[in-house]
């Protein structure tokens, strides 16, 4: 877990308003805090390969006239997302 209170305290000490702090990217924060560069494209690609957003075989975003297909969702997901959860035929 990140030490958010210490990070926010350091930002305030540096004169960064809380609103601006929460809008910072990780790369910007690391640069401001002297923590070095953020991850490069190769490391991001490796993480995306290791932890994909969708399960193998799932297809998001229709192409060539196909409707987007989403994986099965847990029962709480539709209510959490603010949708009915009813499947359309």
C-alpha atoms as a PDB file:
ATOM      1  CA  UNK A   1       0.000   0.000   0.000  1.00  0.00           C
ATOM      2  CA  UNK A   2       1.255   3.452  -0.817  1.00  0.00           C
ATOM      3  CA  UNK A   3       1.910   5.975   1.962  1.00  0.00           C
ATOM      4  CA  UNK A   4      -0.739   8.438   0.715  1.00  0.00           C
ATOM      5  CA  UNK A   5      -0.656  10.689   3.767  1.00  0.00           C
ATOM      6  CA  UNK A   6       3.134  11.080   3.578  1.00  0.00           C
ATOM      7  CA  UNK A   7       2.930  11.713  -0.165  1.00  0.00           C
ATOM      8  CA  UNK A   8       0.192  14.327   0.245  1.00  0.00           C
ATOM      9  CA  UNK A   9       2.120  15.960   3.091  1.00  0.00           C
ATOM     10  CA  UNK A  10       5.232  16.175   0.878  1.00  0.00           C
ATOM     11  CA  UNK A  11       3.165  17.660  -1.957  1.00  0.00           C
ATOM     12  CA  UNK A  12       1.634  20.270   0.354  1.00  0.00           C
ATOM     13  CA  UNK A  13       5.094  21.128   1.693  1.00  0.00           C
ATOM     14  CA  UNK A  14       6.225  21.629  -1.917  1.00  0.00           C
ATOM     15  CA  UNK A  15       3.285  23.990  -2.506  1.00  0.00           C
ATOM     16  CA  UNK A  16       1.159  21.591  -4.560  1.00  0.00           C
ATOM     17  CA  UNK A  17      -2.568  21.994  -3.851  1.00  0.00           C
ATOM     18  CA  UNK A  18      -4.501  18.800  -2.957  1.00  0.00           C
ATOM     19  CA  UNK A  19      -6.553  19.052  -6.174  1.00  0.00           C
ATOM     20  CA  UNK A  20      -3.355  19.223  -8.239  1.00  0.00           C
ATOM     21  CA  UNK A  21      -1.810  16.342  -6.256  1.00  0.00           C
ATOM     22  CA  UNK A  22      -4.706  13.998  -7.090  1.00  0.00           C
ATOM     23  CA  UNK A  23      -4.455  14.911 -10.788  1.00  0.00           C
ATOM     24  CA  UNK A  24      -0.746  13.990 -10.988  1.00  0.00           C
ATOM     25  CA  UNK A  25       0.214  10.898 -12.945  1.00  0.00           C
ATOM     26  CA  UNK A  26       2.532   8.380 -11.295  1.00  0.00           C
ATOM     27  CA  UNK A  27       5.316   9.489 -13.635  1.00  0.00           C
ATOM     28  CA  UNK A  28       4.794  13.152 -12.657  1.00  0.00           C
ATOM     29  CA  UNK A  29       4.758  12.290  -8.951  1.00  0.00           C
ATOM     30  CA  UNK A  30       7.927  10.207  -9.231  1.00  0.00           C
ATOM     31  CA  UNK A  31       9.659  13.033 -11.058  1.00  0.00           C
ATOM     32  CA  UNK A  32       8.538  15.586  -8.455  1.00  0.00           C
ATOM     33  CA  UNK A  33       9.513  13.288  -5.594  1.00  0.00           C
ATOM     34  CA  UNK A  34      12.873  12.441  -7.163  1.00  0.00           C
ATOM     35  CA  UNK A  35      11.967   8.784  -7.517  1.00  0.00           C
ATOM     36  CA  UNK A  36      13.272   8.339 -11.053  1.00  0.00           C
ATOM     37  CA  UNK A  37      11.542   7.538 -14.298  1.00  0.00           C
ATOM     38  CA  UNK A  38       8.215   5.787 -14.584  1.00  0.00           C
ATOM     39  CA  UNK A  39       7.905   2.434 -16.323  1.00  0.00           C
ATOM     40  CA  UNK A  40       8.814   2.216 -19.981  1.00  0.00           C
ATOM     41  CA  UNK A  41       6.675   0.795 -22.791  1.00  0.00           C
ATOM     42  CA  UNK A  42       8.338  -2.630 -22.556  1.00  0.00           C
ATOM     43  CA  UNK A  43       7.549  -3.002 -18.849  1.00  0.00           C
ATOM     44  CA  UNK A  44       3.960  -1.853 -19.450  1.00  0.00           C
ATOM     45  CA  UNK A  45       3.577  -4.437 -22.235  1.00  0.00           C
ATOM     46  CA  UNK A  46       4.946  -7.154 -19.931  1.00  0.00           C
ATOM     47  CA  UNK A  47       2.470  -6.221 -17.182  1.00  0.00           C
ATOM     48  CA  UNK A  48      -0.418  -6.083 -19.658  1.00  0.00           C
ATOM     49  CA  UNK A  49       0.528  -9.561 -20.859  1.00  0.00           C
ATOM     50  CA  UNK A  50       0.776 -10.915 -17.325  1.00  0.00           C
ATOM     51  CA  UNK A  51      -2.449  -9.258 -16.106  1.00  0.00           C
ATOM     52  CA  UNK A  52      -4.847  -8.821 -19.065  1.00  0.00           C
ATOM     53  CA  UNK A  53      -7.995  -6.736 -18.646  1.00  0.00           C
ATOM     54  CA  UNK A  54     -10.203  -9.465 -20.067  1.00  0.00           C
ATOM     55  CA  UNK A  55     -10.003 -13.227 -19.692  1.00  0.00           C
ATOM     56  CA  UNK A  56      -8.601 -15.377 -22.518  1.00  0.00           C
ATOM     57  CA  UNK A  57     -11.194 -15.909 -25.234  1.00  0.00           C
ATOM     58  CA  UNK A  58     -13.251 -12.837 -24.335  1.00  0.00           C
ATOM     59  CA  UNK A  59     -13.744 -10.264 -27.053  1.00  0.00           C
ATOM     60  CA  UNK A  60     -14.483  -6.633 -26.330  1.00  0.00           C
ATOM     61  CA  UNK A  61     -15.304  -4.096 -29.007  1.00  0.00           C
ATOM     62  CA  UNK A  62     -17.197  -5.324 -32.031  1.00  0.00           C
ATOM     63  CA  UNK A  63     -15.372  -5.578 -35.302  1.00  0.00           C
ATOM     64  CA  UNK A  64     -16.457  -6.600 -38.772  1.00  0.00           C
ATOM     65  CA  UNK A  65     -20.120  -6.276 -37.839  1.00  0.00           C
ATOM     66  CA  UNK A  66     -19.881  -8.333 -34.659  1.00  0.00           C
ATOM     67  CA  UNK A  67     -21.465  -7.215 -31.417  1.00  0.00           C
ATOM     68  CA  UNK A  68     -19.091  -6.781 -28.478  1.00  0.00           C
ATOM     69  CA  UNK A  69     -19.028  -9.826 -26.205  1.00  0.00           C
ATOM     70  CA  UNK A  70     -18.374  -9.423 -22.498  1.00  0.00           C
ATOM     71  CA  UNK A  71     -17.373 -12.240 -20.146  1.00  0.00           C
ATOM     72  CA  UNK A  72     -19.825 -13.481 -17.543  1.00  0.00           C
ATOM     73  CA  UNK A  73     -20.097 -10.984 -14.725  1.00  0.00           C
ATOM     74  CA  UNK A  74     -20.623 -11.673 -11.041  1.00  0.00           C
ATOM     75  CA  UNK A  75     -24.221 -11.098  -9.870  1.00  0.00           C
ATOM     76  CA  UNK A  76     -23.353  -7.809  -8.139  1.00  0.00           C
ATOM     77  CA  UNK A  77     -21.636  -6.263 -11.189  1.00  0.00           C
ATOM     78  CA  UNK A  78     -24.744  -5.015 -13.077  1.00  0.00           C
ATOM     79  CA  UNK A  79     -26.202  -3.343  -9.981  1.00  0.00           C
ATOM     80  CA  UNK A  80     -22.829  -1.883  -9.118  1.00  0.00           C
ATOM     81  CA  UNK A  81     -22.475  -0.504 -12.653  1.00  0.00           C
ATOM     82  CA  UNK A  82     -25.996   0.965 -12.579  1.00  0.00           C
ATOM     83  CA  UNK A  83     -27.456  -1.299 -15.261  1.00  0.00           C
ATOM     84  CA  UNK A  84     -30.228  -3.863 -15.121  1.00  0.00           C
ATOM     85  CA  UNK A  85     -28.160  -6.947 -15.885  1.00  0.00           C
ATOM     86  CA  UNK A  86     -30.837  -8.294 -18.219  1.00  0.00           C
ATOM     87  CA  UNK A  87     -29.444  -9.968 -21.330  1.00  0.00           C
ATOM     88  CA  UNK A  88     -30.720  -8.584 -24.600  1.00  0.00           C
ATOM     89  CA  UNK A  89     -31.785 -11.027 -27.307  1.00  0.00           C
END
